[in-house]
Amino acid sequence: MRKLIIDTDTGSDDAVALMLALLEESVEVLGITTVCGNVPQMLATKNALMTVELCSKDVPVYPGADRPLFRDLVTAVRVHGDDGMGDCDLIHPTRAAEKTHAVNYILDTVRQYPGEIEIVTLGPLTNVALAILQDREAMKGVKHIYTMGTSGFGPGNTTPVASFNVYVDADSFRVLLGAGIPLTIIGFDQCIGESALHKEDLEKLASLNRLGKFAADCNRTLLQYNLQRTGEYMVDLPDAVAMAVALWDDIALERVNVHAYCCTTDEVTYGQVIFYDRYDFLSVQHEVPPDNAEVVRKVDAALYKRRLLQALEGRQLRSCVQQ
């Protein structure tokens, strides 16, 4: 069984992604680590605890970094709500977080299971970067990292060139890119358009069961944000799309190997990630730098949505059997 650590700045789309992993029987979520991003780390931790509890799972949650490596924290409460979960009074966890710091937990677990741990990152990369900086050799034992970040091959969602998860702490993303760990990037470009949930999708989700209703309700602020911004009745769930790629290989229809470079020195381009594809890129350089990442270029949006609904519906059926 695959062994996962999920690193999350738990906002509303993170919660849906967590549910997908927690309910997937082919993987074992060993632990969840939290980081500041969508909301301050303390709220991200509470939101993760609540999501685990709703899924009736016994998965520990480890609080991590409460600020980026070098910069002040930028949050997305305007998008996800002050509590990160739609401000619907949904978050009342009864369990407490672990005392061990997320970075220590990541390193301890990677050392315990060398070559076996896969990490799915749903927020800024601060915890992962700190683990790499603390023990680079141990982190080279990570089997694979899947990260929801970058703009992919499209525009940014925070600046014209940068996606939120990278922009919050681009310095940490740059550390990851230089770590030599097998890496799959799922960019924001794969999480909008056909991959977004529209009115009919959201109605199906809300009518499934209590988990489906929770998933729909916690994204109400995001829905209102999109309505005001674009006039479109839709919810984009980037972290759920990224998690689907990590869980189910057939969600990704096209992938490309690239050299990824993260810009960190100029304020205007801070957080931009440039992809050098040695096969498509005509360079004035003598040589394109070595590949350090795989980027998902196309996902099967219809299959992703079907798996999302099936996963949450399947949780209800298993609960009935257990009862």
Protein backbone atom coordinates (compact mmCIF):
# COMPACT_ATOMS: atom_id res chain seq x y z
CA MET A 1 0.00 0.00 0.00
CA ARG A 2 1.33 3.43 -0.91
CA LYS A 3 2.39 5.59 2.04
CA LEU A 4 1.43 9.28 1.87
CA ILE A 5 2.16 12.41 3.84
CA ILE A 6 -0.10 15.33 2.93
CA ASP A 7 1.16 18.85 3.52
CA THR A 8 -1.67 21.38 3.51
CA ASP A 9 -2.63 24.99 4.25
CA THR A 10 -6.14 23.68 4.72
CA GLY A 11 -8.62 25.86 2.96
CA SER A 12 -11.85 24.68 1.40
CA ASP A 13 -10.33 23.04 -1.68
CA ASP A 14 -7.67 21.37 0.51
CA ALA A 15 -10.46 19.82 2.58
CA VAL A 16 -11.94 18.15 -0.50
CA ALA A 17 -8.48 16.91 -1.49
CA LEU A 18 -7.93 15.50 1.99
CA MET A 19 -11.23 13.64 1.82
CA LEU A 20 -10.23 12.03 -1.49
CA ALA A 21 -7.02 10.69 0.04
CA LEU A 22 -8.53 9.67 3.37
CA LEU A 23 -11.29 7.71 1.64
CA GLU A 24 -9.04 6.03 -0.94
CA GLU A 25 -8.39 2.46 0.18
CA SER A 26 -5.29 1.91 -1.99
CA VAL A 27 -3.20 4.42 -0.01
CA GLU A 28 -2.30 4.90 3.62
CA VAL A 29 -2.20 8.49 4.81
CA LEU A 30 0.42 8.25 7.54
CA GLY A 31 0.10 11.86 8.63
CA ILE A 32 -1.05 15.33 7.68
CA THR A 33 1.25 18.33 8.13
CA THR A 34 -0.04 21.88 8.13
CA VAL A 35 1.49 25.11 6.91
CA CYS A 36 0.44 28.74 6.70
CA GLY A 37 -1.00 29.85 3.38
CA ASN A 38 -4.71 30.03 2.64
CA VAL A 39 -5.11 30.80 6.34
CA PRO A 40 -2.71 31.10 9.28
CA GLN A 41 -1.25 27.76 10.34
CA MET A 42 -3.42 27.46 13.47
CA LEU A 43 -6.60 27.61 11.38
CA ALA A 44 -5.15 25.27 8.76
CA THR A 45 -4.55 22.78 11.57
CA LYS A 46 -8.10 23.03 12.90
CA ASN A 47 -9.53 22.62 9.42
CA ALA A 48 -7.42 19.52 8.79
CA LEU A 49 -8.46 18.01 12.13
CA MET A 50 -12.13 18.60 11.33
CA THR A 51 -11.81 17.01 7.89
CA VAL A 52 -10.12 13.91 9.33
CA GLU A 53 -12.84 13.65 11.96
CA LEU A 54 -15.62 13.91 9.39
CA CYS A 55 -14.04 11.06 7.47
CA SER A 56 -13.96 8.93 10.65
CA LYS A 57 -10.23 8.37 10.26
CA ASP A 58 -7.47 8.18 12.86
CA VAL A 59 -4.76 10.16 11.07
CA PRO A 60 -2.49 12.45 13.11
CA VAL A 61 -2.11 16.14 12.22
CA TYR A 62 1.22 17.90 12.79
CA PRO A 63 1.39 21.73 12.87
CA GLY A 64 4.26 23.22 10.91
CA ALA A 65 5.57 26.55 9.68
CA ASP A 66 3.56 29.62 10.66
CA ARG A 67 5.36 31.97 8.26
CA PRO A 68 7.25 31.73 4.95
CA LEU A 69 11.04 31.41 4.93
CA PHE A 70 11.81 35.10 4.41
CA ARG A 71 8.64 37.06 3.66
CA ASP A 72 5.49 38.14 5.47
CA LEU A 73 2.53 35.80 5.15
CA VAL A 74 -0.04 36.47 2.43
CA THR A 75 -3.34 34.61 2.96
CA ALA A 76 -6.35 33.83 0.77
CA VAL A 77 -9.09 34.51 3.32
CA ARG A 78 -10.80 36.77 0.78
CA VAL A 79 -11.24 33.68 -1.39
CA HIS A 80 -11.90 30.94 1.17
CA GLY A 81 -13.36 32.89 4.11
CA ASP A 82 -11.84 34.11 7.35
CA ASP A 83 -11.75 30.53 8.65
CA GLY A 84 -10.70 29.13 5.28
CA MET A 85 -13.84 27.01 5.12
CA GLY A 86 -16.57 29.29 3.88
CA ASP A 87 -17.35 30.95 7.26
CA CYS A 88 -20.24 28.51 7.75
CA ASP A 89 -19.41 27.52 11.34
CA LEU A 90 -18.35 24.05 10.19
CA ILE A 91 -15.10 23.70 12.13
CA HIS A 92 -15.39 22.20 15.62
CA PRO A 93 -12.75 19.45 15.91
CA THR A 94 -12.77 17.37 19.08
CA ARG A 95 -9.23 16.01 18.62
CA ALA A 96 -6.03 17.95 19.21
CA ALA A 97 -3.03 18.22 16.94
CA GLU A 98 0.20 16.38 17.68
CA LYS A 99 3.00 18.06 19.64
CA THR A 100 5.72 17.08 17.15
CA HIS A 101 6.55 19.80 14.63
CA ALA A 102 5.64 18.98 11.03
CA VAL A 103 9.22 19.25 9.79
CA ASN A 104 10.47 16.82 12.41
CA TYR A 105 7.62 14.44 11.59
CA ILE A 106 8.42 14.54 7.87
CA LEU A 107 12.10 13.80 8.48
CA ASP A 108 11.41 11.06 11.03
CA THR A 109 8.98 9.33 8.69
CA VAL A 110 11.20 9.58 5.62
CA ARG A 111 14.08 8.10 7.60
CA GLN A 112 11.84 5.30 8.86
CA TYR A 113 10.59 4.41 5.36
CA PRO A 114 13.38 5.33 2.91
CA GLY A 115 12.24 5.11 -0.70
CA GLU A 116 8.59 4.57 0.27
CA ILE A 117 7.12 7.95 1.27
CA GLU A 118 5.20 10.05 -1.23
CA ILE A 119 4.36 13.61 -0.25
CA VAL A 120 1.42 15.53 -1.68
CA THR A 121 1.75 19.27 -1.11
CA LEU A 122 -1.40 21.37 -1.31
CA GLY A 123 -0.02 24.70 -0.08
CA PRO A 124 3.21 26.68 0.13
CA LEU A 125 6.35 24.52 0.34
CA THR A 126 7.74 25.93 3.59
CA ASN A 127 7.63 22.70 5.60
CA VAL A 128 9.18 20.67 2.81
CA ALA A 129 11.89 23.26 2.20
CA LEU A 130 12.77 23.36 5.89
CA ALA A 131 13.03 19.57 5.92
CA ILE A 132 15.34 19.67 2.89
CA LEU A 133 17.49 22.40 4.42
CA GLN A 134 17.73 20.46 7.68
CA ASP A 135 18.61 17.06 6.15
CA ARG A 136 18.97 17.04 2.37
CA GLU A 137 20.23 13.46 2.24
CA ALA A 138 17.26 12.11 4.18
CA MET A 139 14.83 13.97 1.91
CA LYS A 140 16.48 12.40 -1.15
CA GLY A 141 14.88 9.22 0.20
CA VAL A 142 11.40 10.59 -0.61
CA LYS A 143 9.92 8.41 -3.33
CA HIS A 144 7.95 11.19 -5.05
CA ILE A 145 6.44 14.61 -4.42
CA TYR A 146 3.22 15.79 -6.07
CA THR A 147 2.70 19.51 -5.75
CA MET A 148 -0.25 21.74 -6.53
CA GLY A 149 1.58 24.83 -7.62
CA THR A 150 2.74 27.10 -10.44
CA SER A 151 0.55 28.52 -13.18
CA GLY A 152 1.28 25.51 -15.36
CA PHE A 153 1.30 26.75 -18.92
CA GLY A 154 -1.23 29.51 -18.26
CA PRO A 155 -1.42 32.84 -16.38
CA GLY A 156 -1.12 33.18 -12.63
CA ASN A 157 -3.99 33.49 -10.19
CA THR A 158 -2.22 35.79 -7.72
CA THR A 159 -0.06 37.89 -10.03
CA PRO A 160 -0.08 37.77 -13.84
CA VAL A 161 2.70 35.16 -13.68
CA ALA A 162 2.51 33.50 -10.24
CA SER A 163 0.14 31.05 -8.59
CA PHE A 164 -0.81 31.44 -4.93
CA ASN A 165 0.97 28.42 -3.49
CA VAL A 166 4.28 29.45 -5.03
CA TYR A 167 3.86 33.20 -4.51
CA VAL A 168 3.38 32.84 -0.75
CA ASP A 169 6.85 31.31 -0.44
CA ALA A 170 8.69 31.11 -3.75
CA ASP A 171 11.98 30.74 -1.91
CA SER A 172 10.77 27.40 -0.55
CA PHE A 173 9.58 26.27 -3.97
CA ARG A 174 13.04 27.01 -5.33
CA VAL A 175 14.58 24.85 -2.60
CA LEU A 176 12.36 21.97 -3.67
CA LEU A 177 13.31 22.32 -7.32
CA GLY A 178 16.99 21.96 -6.43
CA ALA A 179 16.57 19.00 -4.10
CA GLY A 180 16.74 16.17 -6.63
CA ILE A 181 13.47 14.59 -5.46
CA PRO A 182 11.20 13.10 -8.17
CA LEU A 183 8.54 15.78 -8.66
CA THR A 184 5.19 16.07 -10.43
CA ILE A 185 3.71 19.55 -10.77
CA ILE A 186 -0.01 20.09 -11.27
CA GLY A 187 -0.44 23.73 -12.28
CA PHE A 188 -3.41 26.03 -11.84
CA ASP A 189 -4.14 25.81 -15.57
CA GLN A 190 -5.34 22.22 -15.07
CA CYS A 191 -7.76 23.15 -12.28
CA ILE A 192 -10.06 25.59 -14.07
CA GLY A 193 -12.26 25.37 -17.15
CA GLU A 194 -13.71 21.89 -17.51
CA SER A 195 -12.12 20.78 -14.23
CA ALA A 196 -14.07 23.33 -12.19
CA LEU A 197 -17.36 22.34 -10.56
CA HIS A 198 -20.33 24.16 -12.02
CA LYS A 199 -23.90 24.47 -10.77
CA GLU A 200 -25.01 20.94 -11.68
CA ASP A 201 -21.80 19.45 -10.26
CA LEU A 202 -22.19 21.34 -6.99
CA GLU A 203 -25.83 20.29 -6.65
CA LYS A 204 -24.84 16.64 -7.10
CA LEU A 205 -22.08 17.05 -4.56
CA ALA A 206 -24.31 18.65 -1.94
CA SER A 207 -27.00 15.98 -2.33
CA LEU A 208 -24.68 12.97 -1.89
CA ASN A 209 -24.41 12.73 1.89
CA ARG A 210 -22.98 14.68 4.82
CA LEU A 211 -19.48 14.62 3.35
CA GLY A 212 -20.72 15.93 0.03
CA LYS A 213 -22.70 18.64 1.77
CA PHE A 214 -19.62 19.59 3.82
CA ALA A 215 -17.54 19.79 0.63
CA ALA A 216 -20.11 22.06 -1.01
CA ASP A 217 -20.78 24.22 2.06
CA CYS A 218 -17.13 24.90 2.89
CA ASN A 219 -16.66 26.30 -0.62
CA ARG A 220 -19.48 28.86 -0.41
CA THR A 221 -17.14 31.81 -0.03
CA LEU A 222 -15.13 30.60 -3.02
CA LEU A 223 -18.35 30.34 -5.02
CA GLN A 224 -19.31 33.91 -4.12
CA TYR A 225 -15.80 35.10 -4.95
CA ASN A 226 -16.01 33.56 -8.42
CA LEU A 227 -19.50 34.95 -8.99
CA GLN A 228 -18.30 38.45 -8.18
CA ARG A 229 -15.05 38.09 -10.11
CA THR A 230 -16.29 36.43 -13.30
CA GLY A 231 -20.07 36.16 -13.02
CA GLU A 232 -19.71 32.40 -13.41
CA TYR A 233 -21.39 29.95 -11.01
CA MET A 234 -18.43 27.67 -10.41
CA VAL A 235 -15.95 26.43 -7.83
CA ASP A 236 -12.40 25.61 -8.83
CA LEU A 237 -10.73 23.03 -6.58
CA PRO A 238 -7.03 23.03 -7.52
CA ASP A 239 -5.97 20.88 -4.57
CA ALA A 240 -8.59 18.24 -5.32
CA VAL A 241 -7.41 18.04 -8.94
CA ALA A 242 -3.81 17.69 -7.79
CA MET A 243 -4.76 15.00 -5.29
CA ALA A 244 -6.68 13.13 -7.99
CA VAL A 245 -3.55 13.06 -10.16
CA ALA A 246 -1.52 11.78 -7.20
CA LEU A 247 -4.06 9.06 -6.37
CA TRP A 248 -5.12 7.93 -9.84
CA ASP A 249 -2.52 7.85 -12.58
CA ASP A 250 -5.09 7.85 -15.38
CA ILE A 251 -6.38 11.32 -14.46
CA ALA A 252 -3.31 12.85 -16.13
CA LEU A 253 -3.63 12.48 -19.90
CA GLU A 254 -0.47 14.36 -20.88
CA ARG A 255 2.77 14.97 -18.99
CA VAL A 256 5.98 16.68 -20.03
CA ASN A 257 9.46 16.58 -18.48
CA VAL A 258 10.99 20.03 -17.98
CA HIS A 259 13.60 22.03 -16.22
CA ALA A 260 11.61 24.25 -13.84
CA TYR A 261 13.10 27.53 -12.60
CA CYS A 262 11.46 29.63 -9.88
CA CYS A 263 11.96 33.40 -9.88
CA THR A 264 12.69 34.88 -6.45
CA THR A 265 14.75 38.05 -6.90
CA ASP A 266 12.50 40.52 -8.72
CA GLU A 267 9.25 41.59 -7.03
CA VAL A 268 7.29 41.73 -10.29
CA THR A 269 8.17 38.15 -11.24
CA TYR A 270 8.41 36.72 -7.71
CA GLY A 271 6.83 33.29 -7.75
CA GLN A 272 6.86 32.81 -11.50
CA VAL A 273 7.96 29.30 -12.48
CA ILE A 274 9.49 28.98 -15.94
CA PHE A 275 9.42 25.62 -17.70
CA TYR A 276 12.18 24.71 -20.14
CA ASP A 277 10.99 21.89 -22.38
CA ARG A 278 14.08 20.69 -24.21
CA TYR A 279 11.99 19.33 -27.09
CA ASP A 280 9.78 22.36 -27.73
CA PHE A 281 11.96 25.21 -26.49
CA LEU A 282 14.21 26.92 -29.02
CA SER A 283 16.97 28.40 -26.89
CA VAL A 284 19.86 30.70 -27.65
CA GLN A 285 21.68 28.78 -24.94
CA HIS A 286 23.97 25.94 -25.93
CA GLU A 287 22.13 23.56 -23.63
CA VAL A 288 18.83 23.46 -21.76
CA PRO A 289 19.39 22.72 -18.03
CA PRO A 290 18.66 19.15 -16.87
CA ASP A 291 15.06 18.17 -16.21
CA ASN A 292 14.00 18.45 -12.57
CA ALA A 293 10.21 18.06 -12.78
CA GLU A 294 7.32 16.51 -14.61
CA VAL A 295 4.43 18.86 -15.41
CA VAL A 296 0.89 17.70 -16.09
CA ARG A 297 -0.20 19.29 -19.36
CA LYS A 298 -3.72 17.86 -19.58
CA VAL A 299 -6.14 16.11 -17.20
CA ASP A 300 -9.28 14.09 -17.83
CA ALA A 301 -11.75 16.52 -16.26
CA ALA A 302 -14.78 14.28 -16.68
CA LEU A 303 -13.04 11.32 -15.06
CA TYR A 304 -11.81 13.51 -12.20
CA LYS A 305 -15.33 14.74 -11.45
CA ARG A 306 -16.72 11.21 -11.62
CA ARG A 307 -14.08 9.89 -9.24
CA LEU A 308 -14.69 12.79 -6.85
CA LEU A 309 -18.39 12.01 -6.56
CA GLN A 310 -17.77 8.27 -6.37
CA ALA A 311 -15.21 8.68 -3.60
CA LEU A 312 -17.54 10.67 -1.37
CA GLU A 313 -20.51 8.46 -2.17
CA GLY A 314 -18.44 5.33 -1.44
CA ARG A 315 -17.64 6.67 2.03
CA GLN A 316 -21.37 6.71 2.80
CA LEU A 317 -21.80 3.12 1.61
CA ARG A 318 -18.90 1.86 3.73
CA SER A 319 -20.36 3.65 6.77
CA CYS A 320 -23.67 1.83 6.23
CA VAL A 321 -21.91 -1.53 6.05
CA GLN A 322 -19.96 -0.83 9.25
CA GLN A 323 -23.12 0.10 11.10
